[in-house]
Amino acid sequence: MSVEELLGRLKIVDDQRIYVIAEAIRKGISYEQIHDITKIDLWFIDKIAILTEMEHALETQPLTVDLLKEAKRIEFPDNVIARLTGKTEEEIKKMRYDNGIKAVYKMVDTCAAEFAASTPYYYSVFGGECEA
């Protein structure tokens, strides 16, 4: 898609817009221009850019332990890392296991920190300390 086509597509509000924003970032369209067209806060545009930058790194750099850790920290799935690096999902899992890269569990704050409460709800993330 050309830059002109992307600029036009950014105006369309639909379920594909996030992918259009990512492609606009890949093509070098500035965050400010994307914001001016979409009215999406720059904070969110930056979050999409972080994902596109990692995608690019995985496609163009050798997969090191540090790169894998960072990809997992921002929640890239093993199958996507495998596809972008040209490796198999099994190779990615083995690299994770061999280097101690594993999910930890965080507790969901069901009371918005207003008062102490115990909760049985947890979610998994890569990075940080386990609260389970």
N, C-alpha and C. Protein backbone atom coordinates (compact mmCIF):
# COMPACT_ATOMS: atom_id res chain seq x y z
N MET A 1 0.85 -1.17 0.00
CA MET A 1 0.00 0.00 0.00
C MET A 1 0.90 1.24 0.00
N SER A 2 0.60 2.19 -0.85
CA SER A 2 1.40 3.41 -0.93
C SER A 2 1.11 4.32 0.27
N VAL A 3 1.99 5.29 0.48
CA VAL A 3 1.80 6.24 1.58
C VAL A 3 0.47 6.97 1.41
N GLU A 4 0.15 7.37 0.19
CA GLU A 4 -1.10 8.08 -0.06
C GLU A 4 -2.31 7.21 0.29
N GLU A 5 -2.25 5.94 -0.09
CA GLU A 5 -3.34 5.01 0.24
C GLU A 5 -3.44 4.83 1.75
N LEU A 6 -2.30 4.73 2.42
CA LEU A 6 -2.32 4.58 3.88
C LEU A 6 -2.94 5.80 4.55
N LEU A 7 -2.58 6.98 4.09
CA LEU A 7 -3.14 8.20 4.67
C LEU A 7 -4.66 8.22 4.51
N GLY A 8 -5.14 7.75 3.38
CA GLY A 8 -6.59 7.65 3.18
C GLY A 8 -7.22 6.60 4.07
N ARG A 9 -6.57 5.45 4.20
CA ARG A 9 -7.10 4.35 5.03
C ARG A 9 -7.11 4.71 6.51
N LEU A 10 -6.18 5.57 6.94
CA LEU A 10 -6.16 5.97 8.35
C LEU A 10 -7.45 6.68 8.77
N LYS A 11 -8.14 7.26 7.81
CA LYS A 11 -9.39 7.98 8.10
C LYS A 11 -10.56 7.04 8.34
N ILE A 12 -10.42 5.79 7.92
CA ILE A 12 -11.52 4.82 8.02
C ILE A 12 -11.46 4.14 9.39
N VAL A 13 -12.54 4.25 10.13
CA VAL A 13 -12.62 3.63 11.46
C VAL A 13 -13.25 2.25 11.31
N ASP A 14 -12.40 1.22 11.39
CA ASP A 14 -12.90 -0.16 11.31
C ASP A 14 -11.95 -1.08 12.07
N ASP A 15 -12.22 -2.36 12.02
CA ASP A 15 -11.42 -3.31 12.79
C ASP A 15 -10.03 -3.52 12.22
N GLN A 16 -9.74 -2.99 11.06
CA GLN A 16 -8.41 -3.12 10.45
C GLN A 16 -7.51 -1.92 10.73
N ARG A 17 -8.05 -0.91 11.38
CA ARG A 17 -7.32 0.34 11.56
C ARG A 17 -5.99 0.16 12.30
N ILE A 18 -5.95 -0.69 13.30
CA ILE A 18 -4.70 -0.88 14.04
C ILE A 18 -3.60 -1.40 13.12
N TYR A 19 -3.96 -2.25 12.16
CA TYR A 19 -2.98 -2.77 11.21
C TYR A 19 -2.53 -1.69 10.23
N VAL A 20 -3.45 -0.81 9.88
CA VAL A 20 -3.12 0.31 9.00
C VAL A 20 -2.16 1.26 9.72
N ILE A 21 -2.41 1.50 11.00
CA ILE A 21 -1.52 2.35 11.80
C ILE A 21 -0.12 1.73 11.85
N ALA A 22 -0.05 0.43 12.09
CA ALA A 22 1.25 -0.25 12.14
C ALA A 22 1.97 -0.11 10.80
N GLU A 23 1.26 -0.29 9.71
CA GLU A 23 1.88 -0.16 8.39
C GLU A 23 2.32 1.28 8.13
N ALA A 24 1.53 2.25 8.59
CA ALA A 24 1.92 3.66 8.44
C ALA A 24 3.22 3.93 9.19
N ILE A 25 3.35 3.37 10.38
CA ILE A 25 4.59 3.53 11.15
C ILE A 25 5.74 2.89 10.40
N ARG A 26 5.53 1.70 9.86
CA ARG A 26 6.58 1.01 9.10
C ARG A 26 7.04 1.85 7.90
N LYS A 27 6.10 2.57 7.29
CA LYS A 27 6.41 3.38 6.10
C LYS A 27 7.00 4.74 6.47
N GLY A 28 7.14 5.01 7.77
CA GLY A 28 7.78 6.25 8.19
C GLY A 28 6.86 7.44 8.36
N ILE A 29 5.57 7.22 8.34
CA ILE A 29 4.63 8.32 8.60
C ILE A 29 4.76 8.70 10.07
N SER A 30 4.86 9.99 10.34
CA SER A 30 5.13 10.44 11.71
C SER A 30 3.96 10.15 12.64
N TYR A 31 4.29 9.99 13.91
CA TYR A 31 3.26 9.76 14.92
C TYR A 31 2.26 10.92 14.91
N GLU A 32 2.79 12.14 14.77
CA GLU A 32 1.94 13.33 14.80
C GLU A 32 0.95 13.33 13.63
N GLN A 33 1.42 12.92 12.45
CA GLN A 33 0.53 12.86 11.29
C GLN A 33 -0.54 11.79 11.50
N ILE A 34 -0.14 10.64 12.05
CA ILE A 34 -1.12 9.59 12.34
C ILE A 34 -2.13 10.10 13.35
N HIS A 35 -1.65 10.79 14.38
CA HIS A 35 -2.55 11.35 15.40
C HIS A 35 -3.49 12.37 14.79
N ASP A 36 -2.97 13.27 13.95
CA ASP A 36 -3.81 14.31 13.35
C ASP A 36 -4.96 13.70 12.54
N ILE A 37 -4.69 12.60 11.86
CA ILE A 37 -5.72 11.96 11.04
C ILE A 37 -6.68 11.13 11.89
N THR A 38 -6.14 10.35 12.83
CA THR A 38 -6.96 9.39 13.58
C THR A 38 -7.52 9.93 14.89
N LYS A 39 -6.87 10.96 15.42
CA LYS A 39 -7.19 11.51 16.76
C LYS A 39 -6.88 10.51 17.87
N ILE A 40 -6.10 9.49 17.56
CA ILE A 40 -5.67 8.52 18.57
C ILE A 40 -4.50 9.13 19.32
N ASP A 41 -4.54 9.02 20.64
CA ASP A 41 -3.50 9.59 21.49
C ASP A 41 -2.12 9.04 21.10
N LEU A 42 -1.13 9.91 21.18
CA LEU A 42 0.24 9.52 20.83
C LEU A 42 0.76 8.37 21.69
N TRP A 43 0.27 8.26 22.92
CA TRP A 43 0.69 7.17 23.81
C TRP A 43 0.36 5.82 23.17
N PHE A 44 -0.84 5.69 22.60
CA PHE A 44 -1.24 4.44 21.96
C PHE A 44 -0.47 4.20 20.67
N ILE A 45 -0.24 5.26 19.92
CA ILE A 45 0.53 5.13 18.68
C ILE A 45 1.94 4.65 19.00
N ASP A 46 2.52 5.17 20.08
CA ASP A 46 3.84 4.72 20.51
C ASP A 46 3.84 3.24 20.87
N LYS A 47 2.78 2.75 21.51
CA LYS A 47 2.70 1.33 21.87
C LYS A 47 2.67 0.46 20.61
N ILE A 48 1.96 0.90 19.59
CA ILE A 48 1.93 0.17 18.32
C ILE A 48 3.32 0.20 17.69
N ALA A 49 4.00 1.35 17.79
CA ALA A 49 5.35 1.48 17.23
C ALA A 49 6.33 0.53 17.91
N ILE A 50 6.20 0.35 19.21
CA ILE A 50 7.07 -0.59 19.94
C ILE A 50 6.93 -1.99 19.34
N LEU A 51 5.71 -2.37 19.02
CA LEU A 51 5.48 -3.69 18.42
C LEU A 51 6.08 -3.79 17.03
N THR A 52 5.93 -2.73 16.23
CA THR A 52 6.49 -2.78 14.87
C THR A 52 8.02 -2.77 14.91
N GLU A 53 8.60 -2.07 15.89
CA GLU A 53 10.06 -2.06 16.02
C GLU A 53 10.58 -3.45 16.40
N MET A 54 9.87 -4.12 17.30
CA MET A 54 10.28 -5.47 17.68
C MET A 54 10.13 -6.42 16.50
N GLU A 55 9.04 -6.28 15.78
CA GLU A 55 8.83 -7.10 14.58
C GLU A 55 10.01 -6.95 13.63
N HIS A 56 10.43 -5.71 13.41
CA HIS A 56 11.56 -5.43 12.52
C HIS A 56 12.85 -6.04 13.06
N ALA A 57 13.08 -5.89 14.36
CA ALA A 57 14.29 -6.45 14.98
C ALA A 57 14.32 -7.97 14.82
N LEU A 58 13.19 -8.62 15.04
CA LEU A 58 13.14 -10.08 14.91
C LEU A 58 13.37 -10.53 13.47
N GLU A 59 12.94 -9.72 12.52
CA GLU A 59 13.12 -10.07 11.11
C GLU A 59 14.56 -9.85 10.63
N THR A 60 15.26 -8.89 11.23
CA THR A 60 16.54 -8.46 10.66
C THR A 60 17.77 -8.76 11.51
N GLN A 61 17.59 -9.10 12.77
CA GLN A 61 18.74 -9.34 13.66
C GLN A 61 18.81 -10.81 14.04
N PRO A 62 20.01 -11.27 14.36
CA PRO A 62 20.11 -12.64 14.88
C PRO A 62 19.35 -12.73 16.21
N LEU A 63 18.71 -13.85 16.44
CA LEU A 63 17.94 -14.02 17.68
C LEU A 63 18.88 -14.34 18.83
N THR A 64 19.10 -13.35 19.68
CA THR A 64 19.91 -13.52 20.88
C THR A 64 18.98 -13.75 22.06
N VAL A 65 19.56 -14.16 23.17
CA VAL A 65 18.77 -14.35 24.39
C VAL A 65 18.14 -13.02 24.81
N ASP A 66 18.90 -11.93 24.72
CA ASP A 66 18.36 -10.62 25.12
C ASP A 66 17.20 -10.20 24.23
N LEU A 67 17.33 -10.42 22.92
CA LEU A 67 16.24 -10.07 22.00
C LEU A 67 15.01 -10.92 22.29
N LEU A 68 15.21 -12.20 22.54
CA LEU A 68 14.09 -13.08 22.87
C LEU A 68 13.42 -12.63 24.17
N LYS A 69 14.21 -12.29 25.18
CA LYS A 69 13.64 -11.81 26.45
C LYS A 69 12.79 -10.57 26.23
N GLU A 70 13.29 -9.64 25.43
CA GLU A 70 12.55 -8.41 25.18
C GLU A 70 11.27 -8.70 24.40
N ALA A 71 11.35 -9.57 23.41
CA ALA A 71 10.16 -9.93 22.64
C ALA A 71 9.11 -10.57 23.54
N LYS A 72 9.53 -11.43 24.43
CA LYS A 72 8.58 -12.08 25.35
C LYS A 72 8.04 -11.07 26.36
N ARG A 73 8.89 -10.12 26.81
CA ARG A 73 8.44 -9.11 27.77
C ARG A 73 7.28 -8.29 27.21
N ILE A 74 7.33 -8.02 25.91
CA ILE A 74 6.22 -7.27 25.31
C ILE A 74 5.18 -8.21 24.70
N GLU A 75 5.23 -9.47 25.13
CA GLU A 75 4.20 -10.48 24.88
C GLU A 75 4.10 -10.98 23.45
N PHE A 76 5.21 -11.04 22.73
CA PHE A 76 5.20 -11.68 21.43
C PHE A 76 5.07 -13.19 21.65
N PRO A 77 4.11 -13.83 20.99
CA PRO A 77 3.96 -15.29 21.13
C PRO A 77 5.11 -16.04 20.44
N ASP A 78 5.38 -17.23 20.93
CA ASP A 78 6.45 -18.05 20.35
C ASP A 78 6.26 -18.27 18.85
N ASN A 79 5.02 -18.52 18.42
CA ASN A 79 4.81 -18.81 16.99
C ASN A 79 5.10 -17.59 16.12
N VAL A 80 4.86 -16.39 16.62
CA VAL A 80 5.16 -15.18 15.86
C VAL A 80 6.67 -14.95 15.82
N ILE A 81 7.33 -15.14 16.94
CA ILE A 81 8.79 -15.01 16.97
C ILE A 81 9.40 -16.01 16.00
N ALA A 82 8.90 -17.23 15.99
CA ALA A 82 9.40 -18.25 15.07
C ALA A 82 9.22 -17.81 13.62
N ARG A 83 8.04 -17.34 13.29
CA ARG A 83 7.77 -16.92 11.91
C ARG A 83 8.69 -15.78 11.49
N LEU A 84 8.87 -14.80 12.37
CA LEU A 84 9.68 -13.63 12.02
C LEU A 84 11.17 -13.93 11.95
N THR A 85 11.62 -14.93 12.69
CA THR A 85 13.06 -15.26 12.71
C THR A 85 13.42 -16.41 11.78
N GLY A 86 12.41 -17.07 11.22
CA GLY A 86 12.68 -18.20 10.35
C GLY A 86 13.03 -19.47 11.10
N LYS A 87 12.70 -19.50 12.37
CA LYS A 87 12.95 -20.68 13.20
C LYS A 87 11.63 -21.41 13.41
N THR A 88 11.70 -22.57 14.03
CA THR A 88 10.47 -23.29 14.37
C THR A 88 10.03 -22.86 15.76
N GLU A 89 8.76 -23.08 16.03
CA GLU A 89 8.23 -22.77 17.35
C GLU A 89 8.94 -23.61 18.42
N GLU A 90 9.28 -24.83 18.08
CA GLU A 90 9.99 -25.71 19.01
C GLU A 90 11.37 -25.15 19.35
N GLU A 91 12.06 -24.58 18.34
CA GLU A 91 13.37 -23.97 18.60
C GLU A 91 13.25 -22.78 19.54
N ILE A 92 12.19 -22.00 19.37
CA ILE A 92 11.97 -20.84 20.24
C ILE A 92 11.69 -21.31 21.66
N LYS A 93 10.81 -22.29 21.80
CA LYS A 93 10.51 -22.81 23.14
C LYS A 93 11.75 -23.36 23.82
N LYS A 94 12.56 -24.10 23.07
CA LYS A 94 13.79 -24.67 23.64
C LYS A 94 14.73 -23.55 24.09
N MET A 95 14.86 -22.52 23.28
CA MET A 95 15.73 -21.40 23.64
C MET A 95 15.22 -20.72 24.91
N ARG A 96 13.90 -20.57 25.01
CA ARG A 96 13.32 -19.99 26.22
C ARG A 96 13.62 -20.85 27.44
N TYR A 97 13.31 -22.13 27.33
CA TYR A 97 13.52 -23.04 28.47
C TYR A 97 14.99 -23.12 28.86
N ASP A 98 15.87 -23.21 27.87
CA ASP A 98 17.31 -23.31 28.15
C ASP A 98 17.86 -22.07 28.85
N ASN A 99 17.18 -20.94 28.67
CA ASN A 99 17.66 -19.68 29.24
C ASN A 99 16.77 -19.14 30.35
N GLY A 100 15.86 -19.98 30.84
CA GLY A 100 15.03 -19.60 31.98
C GLY A 100 14.04 -18.49 31.70
N ILE A 101 13.63 -18.36 30.45
CA ILE A 101 12.65 -17.33 30.09
C ILE A 101 11.27 -17.97 30.21
N LYS A 102 10.58 -17.63 31.29
CA LYS A 102 9.28 -18.26 31.55
C LYS A 102 8.30 -17.24 32.09
N ALA A 103 7.04 -17.58 31.98
CA ALA A 103 5.99 -16.69 32.47
C ALA A 103 5.99 -16.65 33.99
N VAL A 104 5.62 -15.49 34.52
CA VAL A 104 5.36 -15.35 35.95
C VAL A 104 3.91 -14.92 36.09
N TYR A 105 3.39 -15.01 37.28
CA TYR A 105 1.98 -14.71 37.50
C TYR A 105 1.83 -13.52 38.42
N LYS A 106 0.98 -12.59 38.00
CA LYS A 106 0.70 -11.37 38.75
C LYS A 106 -0.74 -11.42 39.24
N MET A 107 -0.96 -10.86 40.42
CA MET A 107 -2.30 -10.84 40.98
C MET A 107 -3.09 -9.66 40.41
N VAL A 108 -4.34 -9.91 40.08
CA VAL A 108 -5.23 -8.86 39.62
C VAL A 108 -5.71 -8.08 40.83
N ASP A 109 -5.59 -6.75 40.77
CA ASP A 109 -6.07 -5.90 41.86
C ASP A 109 -7.55 -5.62 41.62
N THR A 110 -8.42 -6.37 42.27
CA THR A 110 -9.86 -6.25 42.03
C THR A 110 -10.49 -5.09 42.77
N CYS A 111 -9.72 -4.42 43.62
CA CYS A 111 -10.27 -3.31 44.41
C CYS A 111 -9.62 -1.98 44.06
N ALA A 112 -8.89 -1.93 42.98
CA ALA A 112 -8.21 -0.72 42.52
C ALA A 112 -7.38 -0.09 43.62
N ALA A 113 -6.76 -0.92 44.45
CA ALA A 113 -5.87 -0.50 45.54
C ALA A 113 -6.56 0.39 46.57
N GLU A 114 -7.90 0.35 46.63
CA GLU A 114 -8.61 1.16 47.62
C GLU A 114 -8.51 0.57 49.01
N PHE A 115 -8.46 -0.75 49.10
CA PHE A 115 -8.29 -1.39 50.40
C PHE A 115 -7.71 -2.78 50.18
N ALA A 116 -7.15 -3.31 51.24
CA ALA A 116 -6.52 -4.63 51.14
C ALA A 116 -7.58 -5.70 50.92
N ALA A 117 -7.33 -6.56 49.97
CA ALA A 117 -8.26 -7.67 49.70
C ALA A 117 -7.48 -8.79 49.04
N SER A 118 -7.87 -10.00 49.35
CA SER A 118 -7.23 -11.12 48.65
C SER A 118 -8.09 -11.49 47.46
N THR A 119 -7.43 -11.90 46.41
CA THR A 119 -8.16 -12.23 45.19
C THR A 119 -7.56 -13.49 44.58
N PRO A 120 -8.38 -14.34 44.02
CA PRO A 120 -7.86 -15.55 43.40
C PRO A 120 -7.52 -15.37 41.92
N TYR A 121 -7.49 -14.14 41.44
CA TYR A 121 -7.29 -13.92 40.01
C TYR A 121 -5.84 -13.55 39.71
N TYR A 122 -5.27 -14.24 38.73
CA TYR A 122 -3.90 -13.98 38.32
C TYR A 122 -3.85 -13.91 36.80
N TYR A 123 -2.83 -13.24 36.29
CA TYR A 123 -2.57 -13.24 34.85
C TYR A 123 -1.08 -13.50 34.65
N SER A 124 -0.73 -14.05 33.50
CA SER A 124 0.68 -14.37 33.26
C SER A 124 1.32 -13.31 32.38
N VAL A 125 2.59 -13.05 32.67
CA VAL A 125 3.41 -12.13 31.89
C VAL A 125 4.83 -12.69 31.84
N PHE A 126 5.60 -12.22 30.90
CA PHE A 126 7.02 -12.56 30.85
C PHE A 126 7.77 -11.36 31.39
N GLY A 127 8.49 -11.55 32.46
CA GLY A 127 9.24 -10.47 33.09
C GLY A 127 8.61 -10.11 34.42
N GLY A 128 9.43 -9.66 35.34
CA GLY A 128 8.94 -9.29 36.65
C GLY A 128 8.99 -10.45 37.61
N GLU A 129 8.47 -10.22 38.80
CA GLU A 129 8.49 -11.24 39.84
C GLU A 129 7.13 -11.90 39.97
N CYS A 130 7.14 -13.17 40.28
CA CYS A 130 5.91 -13.95 40.43
C CYS A 130 5.23 -13.58 41.73
N GLU A 131 3.91 -13.36 41.69
CA GLU A 131 3.13 -13.03 42.87
C GLU A 131 2.23 -14.19 43.28
N ALA A 132 2.31 -15.30 42.58
CA ALA A 132 1.43 -16.44 42.87
C ALA A 132 1.94 -17.22 44.07
